[in-house]
């Protein structure tokens, strides 16, 4: 993926979608990653990404092709689809047990409990996650 992104560790598809989703107006939309989008529009946008075309989500809104809400859901669905289709998850299969163990650590109200959970997460990400996944 890094080679396909011109050496950028973050694929263009993800960078473009997240940049759009980070905008204040996008973050105000309810159910950003929970709601779906029209399948045919998602497929068309994914095809544009696959062909190396520039995708400008703002232009969908300004041209009245889609509402802000619909455009946000399309970008979110593309991110979810991209991550789902990776041959190996970002938190790799080898880290599965560690991720499960992390979830079982009580992140309770005491500073010690929170520190234990934070230390576990730091170790997982900094020491065990492959460098390309960390970037």
N, C-alpha and C. Protein backbone atom coordinates (compact mmCIF):
# COMPACT_ATOMS: atom_id res chain seq x y z
N UNK A 1 0.81 -1.21 0.00
CA UNK A 1 0.00 0.00 0.00
C UNK A 1 0.85 1.27 0.00
N UNK A 2 1.98 1.20 0.72
CA UNK A 2 2.85 2.38 0.77
C UNK A 2 3.38 2.70 -0.62
N UNK A 3 3.73 1.66 -1.38
CA UNK A 3 4.23 1.87 -2.74
C UNK A 3 3.16 2.50 -3.62
N UNK A 4 1.91 2.07 -3.45
CA UNK A 4 0.81 2.60 -4.25
C UNK A 4 0.48 4.04 -3.87
N UNK A 5 0.89 4.45 -2.67
CA UNK A 5 0.59 5.80 -2.20
C UNK A 5 1.77 6.74 -2.37
N UNK A 6 2.69 6.39 -3.26
CA UNK A 6 3.84 7.25 -3.52
C UNK A 6 4.76 7.39 -2.31
N UNK A 7 4.85 6.35 -1.49
CA UNK A 7 5.71 6.37 -0.32
C UNK A 7 5.03 6.89 0.94
N UNK A 8 3.84 7.42 0.81
CA UNK A 8 3.09 7.90 1.96
C UNK A 8 2.54 6.70 2.73
N UNK A 9 2.79 6.60 4.04
CA UNK A 9 2.30 5.44 4.78
C UNK A 9 0.78 5.41 4.92
N UNK A 10 0.13 6.53 4.67
CA UNK A 10 -1.33 6.57 4.75
C UNK A 10 -1.87 6.59 3.32
N UNK A 11 -2.64 5.57 2.94
CA UNK A 11 -3.18 5.52 1.58
C UNK A 11 -4.02 6.76 1.24
N UNK A 12 -3.95 7.17 -0.01
CA UNK A 12 -4.66 8.37 -0.47
C UNK A 12 -6.16 8.30 -0.16
N UNK A 13 -6.74 7.12 -0.33
CA UNK A 13 -8.17 6.95 -0.06
C UNK A 13 -8.48 7.34 1.38
N UNK A 14 -7.70 6.81 2.31
CA UNK A 14 -7.93 7.09 3.73
C UNK A 14 -7.64 8.55 4.04
N UNK A 15 -6.53 9.07 3.52
CA UNK A 15 -6.18 10.46 3.80
C UNK A 15 -7.28 11.42 3.31
N UNK A 16 -7.79 11.19 2.11
CA UNK A 16 -8.83 12.07 1.54
C UNK A 16 -10.11 11.99 2.36
N UNK A 17 -10.53 10.78 2.69
CA UNK A 17 -11.78 10.61 3.45
C UNK A 17 -11.67 11.20 4.85
N UNK A 18 -10.58 10.92 5.54
CA UNK A 18 -10.41 11.42 6.91
C UNK A 18 -10.30 12.94 6.91
N UNK A 19 -9.60 13.50 5.94
CA UNK A 19 -9.48 14.96 5.86
C UNK A 19 -10.88 15.59 5.75
N UNK A 20 -11.73 15.00 4.94
CA UNK A 20 -13.09 15.50 4.81
C UNK A 20 -13.88 15.29 6.11
N UNK A 21 -13.73 14.12 6.71
CA UNK A 21 -14.50 13.80 7.92
C UNK A 21 -14.06 14.61 9.13
N UNK A 22 -12.84 15.12 9.14
CA UNK A 22 -12.33 15.90 10.27
C UNK A 22 -12.90 17.31 10.35
N UNK A 23 -13.52 17.77 9.31
CA UNK A 23 -14.06 19.12 9.30
C UNK A 23 -15.19 19.23 10.33
N UNK A 24 -15.29 20.41 10.94
CA UNK A 24 -16.32 20.62 11.96
C UNK A 24 -17.71 20.28 11.47
N UNK A 25 -18.04 20.68 10.24
CA UNK A 25 -19.38 20.42 9.73
C UNK A 25 -19.64 18.93 9.58
N UNK A 26 -18.60 18.17 9.25
CA UNK A 26 -18.76 16.72 9.11
C UNK A 26 -18.94 16.05 10.46
N UNK A 27 -18.23 16.55 11.46
CA UNK A 27 -18.29 15.95 12.79
C UNK A 27 -19.63 16.19 13.47
N UNK A 28 -20.39 17.16 12.98
CA UNK A 28 -21.70 17.45 13.56
C UNK A 28 -22.79 16.51 13.06
N UNK A 29 -22.50 15.71 12.05
CA UNK A 29 -23.49 14.80 11.47
C UNK A 29 -23.67 13.61 12.41
N UNK A 30 -24.92 13.27 12.66
CA UNK A 30 -25.22 12.15 13.56
C UNK A 30 -24.90 10.81 12.90
N UNK A 31 -24.32 9.91 13.67
CA UNK A 31 -24.08 8.54 13.22
C UNK A 31 -23.08 8.42 12.09
N UNK A 32 -22.00 9.19 12.14
CA UNK A 32 -21.04 9.24 11.03
C UNK A 32 -20.59 7.85 10.60
N UNK A 33 -20.17 7.02 11.53
CA UNK A 33 -19.68 5.68 11.17
C UNK A 33 -20.73 4.60 11.41
N UNK A 34 -21.90 4.99 11.81
CA UNK A 34 -22.95 4.02 12.11
C UNK A 34 -23.93 3.87 10.94
N UNK A 35 -24.22 4.95 10.29
CA UNK A 35 -25.20 4.92 9.20
C UNK A 35 -24.56 4.53 7.88
N UNK A 36 -25.37 4.01 6.99
CA UNK A 36 -24.87 3.57 5.70
C UNK A 36 -25.03 4.67 4.66
N UNK A 37 -24.60 4.36 3.46
CA UNK A 37 -24.72 5.29 2.33
C UNK A 37 -25.23 4.51 1.13
N UNK A 38 -25.63 5.22 0.09
CA UNK A 38 -26.14 4.56 -1.11
C UNK A 38 -25.01 3.76 -1.77
N UNK A 39 -25.27 2.49 -1.99
CA UNK A 39 -24.26 1.56 -2.49
C UNK A 39 -23.70 2.01 -3.83
N UNK A 40 -24.55 2.46 -4.75
CA UNK A 40 -24.05 2.84 -6.07
C UNK A 40 -23.12 4.05 -6.00
N UNK A 41 -23.40 4.98 -5.11
CA UNK A 41 -22.52 6.15 -4.97
C UNK A 41 -21.18 5.73 -4.37
N UNK A 42 -21.24 4.87 -3.34
CA UNK A 42 -20.01 4.38 -2.71
C UNK A 42 -19.15 3.67 -3.75
N UNK A 43 -19.76 2.81 -4.55
CA UNK A 43 -19.00 2.07 -5.57
C UNK A 43 -18.37 3.01 -6.58
N UNK A 44 -19.10 4.05 -6.99
CA UNK A 44 -18.56 5.02 -7.95
C UNK A 44 -17.36 5.77 -7.37
N UNK A 45 -17.47 6.18 -6.12
CA UNK A 45 -16.37 6.91 -5.48
C UNK A 45 -15.17 5.98 -5.28
N UNK A 46 -15.42 4.74 -4.85
CA UNK A 46 -14.33 3.77 -4.70
C UNK A 46 -13.64 3.52 -6.03
N UNK A 47 -14.41 3.43 -7.10
CA UNK A 47 -13.83 3.22 -8.42
C UNK A 47 -12.95 4.42 -8.81
N UNK A 48 -13.40 5.61 -8.49
CA UNK A 48 -12.59 6.80 -8.77
C UNK A 48 -11.25 6.73 -8.04
N UNK A 49 -11.30 6.35 -6.76
CA UNK A 49 -10.05 6.18 -6.01
C UNK A 49 -9.17 5.12 -6.65
N UNK A 50 -9.77 3.99 -7.02
CA UNK A 50 -9.00 2.89 -7.62
C UNK A 50 -8.35 3.27 -8.94
N UNK A 51 -8.98 4.18 -9.67
CA UNK A 51 -8.44 4.64 -10.95
C UNK A 51 -7.41 5.76 -10.77
N UNK A 52 -7.18 6.15 -9.52
CA UNK A 52 -6.20 7.20 -9.25
C UNK A 52 -6.74 8.60 -9.46
N UNK A 53 -8.04 8.71 -9.60
CA UNK A 53 -8.65 10.02 -9.81
C UNK A 53 -8.74 10.77 -8.48
N UNK A 54 -8.72 12.10 -8.56
CA UNK A 54 -8.91 12.90 -7.36
C UNK A 54 -10.39 12.90 -7.00
N UNK A 55 -10.66 12.70 -5.74
CA UNK A 55 -12.04 12.73 -5.24
C UNK A 55 -12.16 13.95 -4.34
N UNK A 56 -13.09 14.82 -4.68
CA UNK A 56 -13.32 16.04 -3.91
C UNK A 56 -14.73 15.97 -3.33
N UNK A 57 -14.81 15.57 -2.06
CA UNK A 57 -16.12 15.43 -1.42
C UNK A 57 -16.86 16.76 -1.35
N UNK A 58 -16.12 17.84 -1.18
CA UNK A 58 -16.75 19.17 -1.13
C UNK A 58 -17.52 19.47 -2.41
N UNK A 59 -17.00 19.01 -3.54
CA UNK A 59 -17.66 19.30 -4.82
C UNK A 59 -19.02 18.60 -4.92
N UNK A 60 -19.18 17.47 -4.24
CA UNK A 60 -20.49 16.80 -4.24
C UNK A 60 -21.53 17.70 -3.59
N UNK A 61 -21.10 18.42 -2.56
CA UNK A 61 -22.03 19.28 -1.82
C UNK A 61 -22.30 20.57 -2.60
N UNK A 62 -21.22 21.22 -3.06
CA UNK A 62 -21.39 22.50 -3.74
C UNK A 62 -22.14 22.36 -5.06
N UNK A 63 -22.05 21.20 -5.69
CA UNK A 63 -22.77 20.99 -6.95
C UNK A 63 -24.20 20.49 -6.71
N UNK A 64 -24.57 20.40 -5.45
CA UNK A 64 -25.89 19.90 -5.05
C UNK A 64 -26.13 18.46 -5.49
N UNK A 65 -25.04 17.73 -5.77
CA UNK A 65 -25.16 16.32 -6.14
C UNK A 65 -25.61 15.50 -4.93
N UNK A 66 -25.07 15.88 -3.74
CA UNK A 66 -25.44 15.20 -2.50
C UNK A 66 -25.47 16.21 -1.37
N UNK A 67 -26.21 15.89 -0.32
CA UNK A 67 -26.23 16.73 0.87
C UNK A 67 -24.95 16.49 1.66
N UNK A 68 -24.68 17.39 2.60
CA UNK A 68 -23.52 17.21 3.47
C UNK A 68 -23.64 15.87 4.20
N UNK A 69 -24.81 15.59 4.73
CA UNK A 69 -25.02 14.35 5.48
C UNK A 69 -24.72 13.12 4.62
N UNK A 70 -25.25 13.08 3.42
CA UNK A 70 -25.01 11.94 2.53
C UNK A 70 -23.54 11.80 2.18
N UNK A 71 -22.88 12.93 1.93
CA UNK A 71 -21.47 12.91 1.57
C UNK A 71 -20.62 12.40 2.72
N UNK A 72 -20.94 12.83 3.93
CA UNK A 72 -20.22 12.36 5.12
C UNK A 72 -20.36 10.85 5.26
N UNK A 73 -21.56 10.34 5.07
CA UNK A 73 -21.77 8.90 5.20
C UNK A 73 -21.04 8.12 4.11
N UNK A 74 -20.95 8.67 2.91
CA UNK A 74 -20.19 8.01 1.84
C UNK A 74 -18.72 7.92 2.24
N UNK A 75 -18.14 9.02 2.70
CA UNK A 75 -16.73 9.02 3.11
C UNK A 75 -16.49 8.03 4.24
N UNK A 76 -17.39 7.98 5.21
CA UNK A 76 -17.24 7.06 6.34
C UNK A 76 -17.35 5.61 5.90
N UNK A 77 -18.28 5.32 5.01
CA UNK A 77 -18.43 3.94 4.51
C UNK A 77 -17.18 3.52 3.75
N UNK A 78 -16.59 4.42 3.00
CA UNK A 78 -15.37 4.09 2.25
C UNK A 78 -14.23 3.77 3.22
N UNK A 79 -14.10 4.53 4.30
CA UNK A 79 -13.07 4.24 5.30
C UNK A 79 -13.32 2.86 5.91
N UNK A 80 -14.56 2.60 6.32
CA UNK A 80 -14.88 1.29 6.92
C UNK A 80 -14.61 0.16 5.94
N UNK A 81 -15.00 0.33 4.69
CA UNK A 81 -14.78 -0.71 3.68
C UNK A 81 -13.30 -0.95 3.45
N UNK A 82 -12.54 0.13 3.37
CA UNK A 82 -11.10 0.02 3.15
C UNK A 82 -10.46 -0.80 4.27
N UNK A 83 -10.78 -0.44 5.50
CA UNK A 83 -10.19 -1.15 6.65
C UNK A 83 -10.65 -2.60 6.70
N UNK A 84 -11.89 -2.84 6.35
CA UNK A 84 -12.44 -4.20 6.36
C UNK A 84 -11.77 -5.08 5.30
N UNK A 85 -11.37 -4.49 4.18
CA UNK A 85 -10.80 -5.25 3.07
C UNK A 85 -9.28 -5.44 3.16
N UNK A 86 -8.65 -4.87 4.18
CA UNK A 86 -7.21 -5.08 4.33
C UNK A 86 -6.93 -6.56 4.53
N UNK A 87 -5.85 -7.08 3.95
CA UNK A 87 -5.54 -8.50 4.12
C UNK A 87 -5.23 -8.84 5.58
N UNK A 88 -4.69 -7.88 6.31
CA UNK A 88 -4.45 -8.05 7.73
C UNK A 88 -4.88 -6.76 8.42
N UNK A 89 -5.57 -6.87 9.56
CA UNK A 89 -6.02 -5.64 10.23
C UNK A 89 -4.85 -4.79 10.71
N UNK A 90 -5.11 -3.52 10.94
CA UNK A 90 -4.07 -2.62 11.44
C UNK A 90 -3.52 -3.14 12.76
N UNK A 91 -4.41 -3.54 13.67
CA UNK A 91 -3.97 -4.25 14.88
C UNK A 91 -3.92 -5.71 14.47
N UNK A 92 -2.74 -6.19 14.16
CA UNK A 92 -2.53 -7.45 13.47
C UNK A 92 -3.12 -8.66 14.19
N UNK A 93 -3.24 -9.75 13.43
CA UNK A 93 -3.75 -11.00 13.99
C UNK A 93 -2.89 -11.46 15.17
N UNK A 94 -1.58 -11.22 15.09
CA UNK A 94 -0.69 -11.63 16.18
C UNK A 94 -0.96 -10.86 17.47
N UNK A 95 -1.57 -9.69 17.36
CA UNK A 95 -1.87 -8.88 18.54
C UNK A 95 -3.28 -9.12 19.08
N UNK A 96 -4.01 -10.03 18.46
CA UNK A 96 -5.41 -10.26 18.84
C UNK A 96 -5.55 -10.52 20.34
N UNK A 97 -4.77 -11.45 20.87
CA UNK A 97 -4.86 -11.78 22.30
C UNK A 97 -4.54 -10.57 23.17
N UNK A 98 -3.55 -9.78 22.76
CA UNK A 98 -3.19 -8.58 23.52
C UNK A 98 -4.34 -7.57 23.52
N UNK A 99 -4.99 -7.42 22.39
CA UNK A 99 -6.12 -6.48 22.30
C UNK A 99 -7.25 -6.96 23.21
N UNK A 100 -7.52 -8.25 23.21
CA UNK A 100 -8.55 -8.81 24.09
C UNK A 100 -8.17 -8.58 25.55
N UNK A 101 -6.91 -8.85 25.90
CA UNK A 101 -6.45 -8.63 27.27
C UNK A 101 -6.55 -7.17 27.67
N UNK A 102 -6.25 -6.28 26.74
CA UNK A 102 -6.36 -4.85 27.01
C UNK A 102 -7.79 -4.48 27.37
N UNK A 103 -8.74 -5.05 26.66
CA UNK A 103 -10.15 -4.76 26.93
C UNK A 103 -10.57 -5.24 28.31
N UNK A 104 -9.89 -6.26 28.82
CA UNK A 104 -10.28 -6.84 30.11
C UNK A 104 -9.66 -6.11 31.30
N UNK A 105 -8.68 -5.25 31.04
CA UNK A 105 -8.08 -4.48 32.13
C UNK A 105 -9.08 -3.43 32.56
N UNK A 106 -9.34 -3.39 33.83
CA UNK A 106 -10.28 -2.40 34.35
C UNK A 106 -9.62 -1.03 34.28
N UNK A 107 -10.23 -0.15 33.55
CA UNK A 107 -9.74 1.22 33.47
C UNK A 107 -10.49 2.08 34.47
N UNK A 108 -10.59 1.57 35.68
CA UNK A 108 -11.40 2.19 36.72
C UNK A 108 -10.99 3.59 37.09
N UNK A 109 -11.63 4.08 38.13
CA UNK A 109 -11.46 5.48 38.51
C UNK A 109 -10.12 5.80 39.16
N UNK A 110 -9.44 4.80 39.70
CA UNK A 110 -8.19 5.12 40.41
C UNK A 110 -7.08 5.43 39.40
N UNK A 111 -6.19 6.32 39.77
CA UNK A 111 -5.06 6.66 38.88
C UNK A 111 -4.20 5.44 38.56
N UNK A 112 -4.07 4.52 39.51
CA UNK A 112 -3.27 3.32 39.29
C UNK A 112 -3.88 2.45 38.20
N UNK A 113 -5.20 2.29 38.24
CA UNK A 113 -5.89 1.47 37.23
C UNK A 113 -5.77 2.10 35.85
N UNK A 114 -5.95 3.40 35.79
CA UNK A 114 -5.83 4.09 34.50
C UNK A 114 -4.40 4.01 33.98
N UNK A 115 -3.43 4.13 34.88
CA UNK A 115 -2.02 4.05 34.48
C UNK A 115 -1.67 2.66 33.97
N UNK A 116 -2.23 1.62 34.60
CA UNK A 116 -1.97 0.25 34.15
C UNK A 116 -2.49 0.05 32.73
N UNK A 117 -3.70 0.54 32.47
CA UNK A 117 -4.28 0.39 31.15
C UNK A 117 -3.49 1.20 30.12
N UNK A 118 -3.08 2.39 30.49
CA UNK A 118 -2.30 3.24 29.60
C UNK A 118 -0.95 2.60 29.29
N UNK A 119 -0.29 2.04 30.29
CA UNK A 119 1.01 1.38 30.08
C UNK A 119 0.87 0.19 29.15
N UNK A 120 -0.19 -0.59 29.33
CA UNK A 120 -0.43 -1.75 28.47
C UNK A 120 -0.63 -1.30 27.03
N UNK A 121 -1.42 -0.24 26.84
CA UNK A 121 -1.70 0.26 25.49
C UNK A 121 -0.42 0.80 24.84
N UNK A 122 0.38 1.53 25.59
CA UNK A 122 1.64 2.06 25.05
C UNK A 122 2.56 0.93 24.61
N UNK A 123 2.68 -0.10 25.44
CA UNK A 123 3.53 -1.24 25.10
C UNK A 123 3.02 -1.92 23.84
N UNK A 124 1.72 -2.09 23.75
CA UNK A 124 1.12 -2.74 22.59
C UNK A 124 1.42 -1.96 21.32
N UNK A 125 1.20 -0.66 21.35
CA UNK A 125 1.37 0.15 20.15
C UNK A 125 2.84 0.42 19.83
N UNK A 126 3.61 0.79 20.82
CA UNK A 126 4.99 1.20 20.55
C UNK A 126 5.95 0.03 20.34
N UNK A 127 5.72 -1.07 21.02
CA UNK A 127 6.68 -2.17 20.97
C UNK A 127 6.25 -3.36 20.13
N UNK A 128 4.97 -3.54 19.91
CA UNK A 128 4.52 -4.76 19.25
C UNK A 128 3.90 -4.52 17.88
N UNK A 129 3.41 -3.32 17.65
CA UNK A 129 2.75 -3.02 16.38
C UNK A 129 3.81 -2.81 15.30
N UNK A 130 3.67 -3.45 14.14
CA UNK A 130 4.64 -3.24 13.06
C UNK A 130 4.72 -1.76 12.66
N UNK A 131 5.91 -1.32 12.30
CA UNK A 131 6.15 0.09 11.97
C UNK A 131 5.16 0.66 10.94
N UNK A 132 4.91 -0.03 9.81
CA UNK A 132 3.96 0.55 8.84
C UNK A 132 2.56 0.73 9.42
N UNK A 133 2.15 -0.15 10.30
CA UNK A 133 0.82 -0.03 10.91
C UNK A 133 0.78 1.12 11.91
N UNK A 134 1.89 1.37 12.55
CA UNK A 134 1.98 2.44 13.54
C UNK A 134 1.94 3.81 12.88
N UNK A 135 2.58 3.92 11.71
CA UNK A 135 2.63 5.21 11.02
C UNK A 135 1.25 5.65 10.65
